[in-house]
Amino acid sequence: MEQKAEIGIFGGTEIYDSGLLEDAKEITLDTPYGKTSDSITVGTFQGRNIAFLPRHGKKHSIPPHMINFRANIWAFKELGVKRIIAPSAVGSLKEEIKPSHFALPSQFLDFTKSREGSFSKDGKVIHISVANPFCPELQNVVVKTATEQNVTIHKDCTYVCIEGPRFSTKAESKFFRSAGADIIGMTLVPECQLAREAQMCYVSISTVTDYDVWAEKSVTAKEVIETLSKNVEKIKKMLIKLIDEIPQQRGCSCDKALAEAEY
């Protein structure tokens, strides 16, 4: 394959700036798991080869519970991607984590129901460790970048991932708060765990768009979109700086995730 990339970015189409990548090309990959969410844009930025894939499709037509996460991760792996940066939108379960702030998950609670969460198949069982699900090296780079750009980011957050596409009931929202979750979203799982199985570094950067319904205020899709649009430029600036700051060589152990995981 001619096209290669070292850093992959999942995100909405509003994140992708057509002027960001040089020599950008759109490619489509066939995967053993079906179609990816959309075509993948591959190009270079500051000497780094980058791949971008909108996880909901370019027209935001794929609901979270129908995203083909295995195909998306497999395609990035096939392109040679070793690090994944994954911006996403979340709701807040804590008063101090305010809309328009950013959050950096370090743990997750999985309340999804119907998603394919592993590359395991008959004859091959993979028991990966996700005690610490995210790449510490990438997390440190995100914190450093956010601090330098005076962006409010909450570290060490627990992300509860729900099936969607509906929002939570008040009872569910209050339960997740009582369980120790800080933020709530619909796309982190199984994306992050599949990246771990593929021995790729993964970091999630969460944009807080609303207080979940525990705050006695209904969440609306309109509210989410409005807050996201206000934060788009901040995310773009962070991505540009992140790409520049990520070390050329990996200094973590993400590439050894399968060392003691396969039977």
Foldseek 3Di string as FASTA:
>chain_A
DPAAFAEEEEAAPLLDDPPQFPPWDWAFDQDPQGGACETWIWGDHPRGIYIYDHQCHHVNPRFLLRGSLLNNLVVNVVRVYFAYEYEDEWAFLDPVQAAQAKEWEQAEAEAADDDDQEPADVPKFFAFDPPGLAWPLLVVLLVVLCVVVVGHYHYHFYEYAHQDPDADDLVVSVVCVVVRGTIYYHHVPSNSVHCLVSLHGYTYMYRHQYHGCPVVDHDDPVSSVVSCVVCSVVSNSSVSSSVVPRDPDDPTCSNCRRVPTMD
